[in-house]
Each structure stands twice: as structure tokens, then as C-alpha cells.
Amino acid sequence: MPDRRLWMPRCRTCGPLGKPTGLDEAVTSCTRHANQYPNHQTAWYPTYAQIIVKGTSNDSINH
């Protein structure tokens, strides 16, 4: 099953490196930024993750 989440590329120094995109684009963006600024730390984070607790998704939990 393909990963359909959107990923947010970020730099610890600069902040967001663009809009949320697919995983390949986020990795490319972070790699490009890290090559331009060798002292910056980059990472990509999922913008939405579905968490399953005791067999139910977080969408169906009543608050």
C-alpha cells in the first residue's frame, strides 16, 4: 500500500522548506538545502498520521 501522507520538509535553523509534499519531494528538498547549507540540520515530518489504539482509529474516539 503506498504511503499517501504528506510530509513537511523542515530545517532546524530556517524553519519550513516549502509546502507539505510527497515523501520523495520532501527528502529531495531537505537534501538540496543540506548541500547548500552544510551546518543546517534538516528533517521531514508527516503532517498527518493515523494512530490506532486498541483496534480503533483516532478518528472515531469520542472526546
N, C-alpha and C. Protein backbone atom coordinates (compact mmCIF):
# COMPACT_ATOMS: atom_id res chain seq x y z
N MET A 1 0.85 -1.18 0.00
CA MET A 1 0.00 0.00 0.00
C MET A 1 0.89 1.24 0.00
N PRO A 2 0.71 2.14 -0.94
CA PRO A 2 1.56 3.33 -1.00
C PRO A 2 1.28 4.28 0.16
N ASP A 3 2.31 5.01 0.54
CA ASP A 3 2.19 5.99 1.61
C ASP A 3 1.56 7.25 1.04
N ARG A 4 0.37 7.60 1.50
CA ARG A 4 -0.35 8.76 0.97
C ARG A 4 -0.27 9.97 1.88
N ARG A 5 0.53 9.88 2.92
CA ARG A 5 0.67 11.03 3.82
C ARG A 5 1.45 12.14 3.12
N LEU A 6 1.23 13.36 3.58
CA LEU A 6 2.03 14.49 3.13
C LEU A 6 3.14 14.70 4.15
N TRP A 7 4.29 15.09 3.67
CA TRP A 7 5.46 15.28 4.51
C TRP A 7 5.90 16.73 4.47
N MET A 8 6.32 17.27 5.60
CA MET A 8 6.75 18.66 5.72
C MET A 8 8.27 18.70 5.87
N PRO A 9 8.98 19.20 4.85
CA PRO A 9 10.43 19.35 4.98
C PRO A 9 10.74 20.57 5.85
N ARG A 10 11.65 20.40 6.81
CA ARG A 10 11.99 21.49 7.73
C ARG A 10 13.49 21.55 7.97
N CYS A 11 13.93 22.75 8.28
CA CYS A 11 15.32 23.00 8.68
C CYS A 11 15.26 23.53 10.11
N ARG A 12 16.14 23.05 10.96
CA ARG A 12 16.14 23.50 12.35
C ARG A 12 16.44 25.00 12.44
N THR A 13 17.24 25.51 11.53
CA THR A 13 17.62 26.93 11.54
C THR A 13 16.62 27.80 10.78
N CYS A 14 16.23 27.38 9.58
CA CYS A 14 15.40 28.20 8.68
C CYS A 14 13.91 28.00 8.86
N GLY A 15 13.48 26.87 9.38
CA GLY A 15 12.06 26.57 9.51
C GLY A 15 11.58 25.76 8.32
N PRO A 16 10.30 25.91 7.93
CA PRO A 16 9.75 25.12 6.82
C PRO A 16 10.50 25.39 5.51
N LEU A 17 10.70 24.33 4.73
CA LEU A 17 11.40 24.44 3.46
C LEU A 17 10.44 24.35 2.28
N GLY A 18 9.21 24.75 2.49
CA GLY A 18 8.21 24.69 1.44
C GLY A 18 6.91 24.13 1.97
N LYS A 19 6.02 23.81 1.06
CA LYS A 19 4.71 23.28 1.45
C LYS A 19 4.79 21.77 1.66
N PRO A 20 3.83 21.18 2.37
CA PRO A 20 3.81 19.73 2.52
C PRO A 20 3.71 19.05 1.15
N THR A 21 4.54 18.02 0.94
CA THR A 21 4.60 17.33 -0.34
C THR A 21 4.70 15.83 -0.09
N GLY A 22 4.87 15.08 -1.16
CA GLY A 22 5.11 13.66 -1.05
C GLY A 22 6.48 13.39 -0.43
N LEU A 23 6.71 12.15 -0.03
CA LEU A 23 7.94 11.80 0.65
C LEU A 23 9.18 12.05 -0.22
N ASP A 24 9.14 11.66 -1.48
CA ASP A 24 10.30 11.84 -2.36
C ASP A 24 10.67 13.32 -2.50
N GLU A 25 9.67 14.17 -2.67
CA GLU A 25 9.93 15.60 -2.82
C GLU A 25 10.48 16.20 -1.53
N ALA A 26 9.97 15.75 -0.38
CA ALA A 26 10.44 16.27 0.90
C ALA A 26 11.90 15.89 1.14
N VAL A 27 12.25 14.65 0.83
CA VAL A 27 13.63 14.20 1.00
C VAL A 27 14.55 14.98 0.07
N THR A 28 14.13 15.18 -1.17
CA THR A 28 14.93 15.94 -2.13
C THR A 28 15.13 17.37 -1.66
N SER A 29 14.08 17.99 -1.16
CA SER A 29 14.17 19.36 -0.68
C SER A 29 15.14 19.47 0.49
N CYS A 30 15.06 18.54 1.43
CA CYS A 30 15.96 18.55 2.58
C CYS A 30 17.41 18.30 2.17
N THR A 31 17.61 17.38 1.24
CA THR A 31 18.96 17.08 0.76
C THR A 31 19.57 18.29 0.06
N ARG A 32 18.78 18.94 -0.79
CA ARG A 32 19.25 20.13 -1.51
C ARG A 32 19.63 21.24 -0.53
N HIS A 33 18.78 21.46 0.48
CA HIS A 33 19.06 22.51 1.47
C HIS A 33 20.31 22.17 2.28
N ALA A 34 20.46 20.90 2.67
CA ALA A 34 21.63 20.48 3.45
C ALA A 34 22.91 20.63 2.64
N ASN A 35 22.84 20.44 1.33
CA ASN A 35 24.02 20.62 0.49
C ASN A 35 24.38 22.11 0.36
N GLN A 36 23.38 22.97 0.32
CA GLN A 36 23.63 24.41 0.21
C GLN A 36 24.14 25.00 1.52
N TYR A 37 23.62 24.48 2.63
CA TYR A 37 23.98 24.99 3.97
C TYR A 37 24.45 23.82 4.82
N PRO A 38 25.74 23.46 4.76
CA PRO A 38 26.24 22.26 5.44
C PRO A 38 26.06 22.25 6.96
N ASN A 39 25.94 23.42 7.59
CA ASN A 39 25.80 23.45 9.05
C ASN A 39 24.35 23.36 9.51
N HIS A 40 23.40 23.33 8.60
CA HIS A 40 21.98 23.26 8.97
C HIS A 40 21.55 21.79 9.09
N GLN A 41 20.62 21.55 10.00
CA GLN A 41 20.06 20.21 10.20
C GLN A 41 18.65 20.19 9.63
N THR A 42 18.39 19.23 8.73
CA THR A 42 17.08 19.13 8.10
C THR A 42 16.42 17.80 8.45
N ALA A 43 15.11 17.78 8.33
CA ALA A 43 14.33 16.57 8.56
C ALA A 43 12.98 16.73 7.88
N TRP A 44 12.28 15.63 7.68
CA TRP A 44 10.94 15.67 7.12
C TRP A 44 10.00 14.96 8.08
N TYR A 45 8.82 15.55 8.28
CA TYR A 45 7.85 15.07 9.25
C TYR A 45 6.51 14.83 8.58
N PRO A 46 5.80 13.78 8.98
CA PRO A 46 4.45 13.58 8.42
C PRO A 46 3.50 14.65 8.95
N THR A 47 2.63 15.15 8.08
CA THR A 47 1.67 16.17 8.51
C THR A 47 0.42 15.54 9.08
N TYR A 48 0.19 14.26 8.80
CA TYR A 48 -0.96 13.56 9.35
C TYR A 48 -0.59 12.10 9.50
N ALA A 49 -0.85 11.56 10.65
CA ALA A 49 -0.61 10.14 10.88
C ALA A 49 -1.83 9.55 11.58
N GLN A 50 -2.29 8.42 11.12
CA GLN A 50 -3.44 7.77 11.73
C GLN A 50 -2.93 6.83 12.81
N ILE A 51 -3.38 7.03 14.03
CA ILE A 51 -2.94 6.23 15.17
C ILE A 51 -4.05 5.28 15.56
N ILE A 52 -3.73 4.01 15.68
CA ILE A 52 -4.71 3.01 16.08
C ILE A 52 -4.46 2.62 17.53
N VAL A 53 -5.50 2.79 18.37
CA VAL A 53 -5.41 2.46 19.79
C VAL A 53 -6.47 1.43 20.10
N LYS A 54 -6.05 0.26 20.54
CA LYS A 54 -6.97 -0.83 20.90
C LYS A 54 -7.96 -1.13 19.79
N GLY A 55 -7.48 -1.14 18.54
CA GLY A 55 -8.32 -1.55 17.43
C GLY A 55 -9.20 -0.47 16.83
N THR A 56 -9.16 0.75 17.35
CA THR A 56 -9.96 1.83 16.77
C THR A 56 -9.04 2.95 16.34
N SER A 57 -9.39 3.64 15.27
CA SER A 57 -8.55 4.74 14.80
C SER A 57 -8.84 5.98 15.62
N ASN A 58 -7.91 6.94 15.56
CA ASN A 58 -8.08 8.18 16.31
C ASN A 58 -9.23 9.03 15.78
N ASP A 59 -9.72 8.73 14.59
CA ASP A 59 -10.85 9.47 14.04
C ASP A 59 -12.17 9.13 14.74
N SER A 60 -12.24 7.96 15.34
CA SER A 60 -13.51 7.53 15.91
C SER A 60 -13.55 7.64 17.45
N ILE A 61 -12.52 8.19 18.05
CA ILE A 61 -12.51 8.34 19.51
C ILE A 61 -13.37 9.55 19.90
N ASN A 62 -14.28 9.33 20.82
CA ASN A 62 -15.14 10.42 21.29
C ASN A 62 -14.42 11.21 22.37
N HIS A 63 -14.43 12.52 22.24
CA HIS A 63 -13.75 13.37 23.24
C HIS A 63 -14.76 14.00 24.14
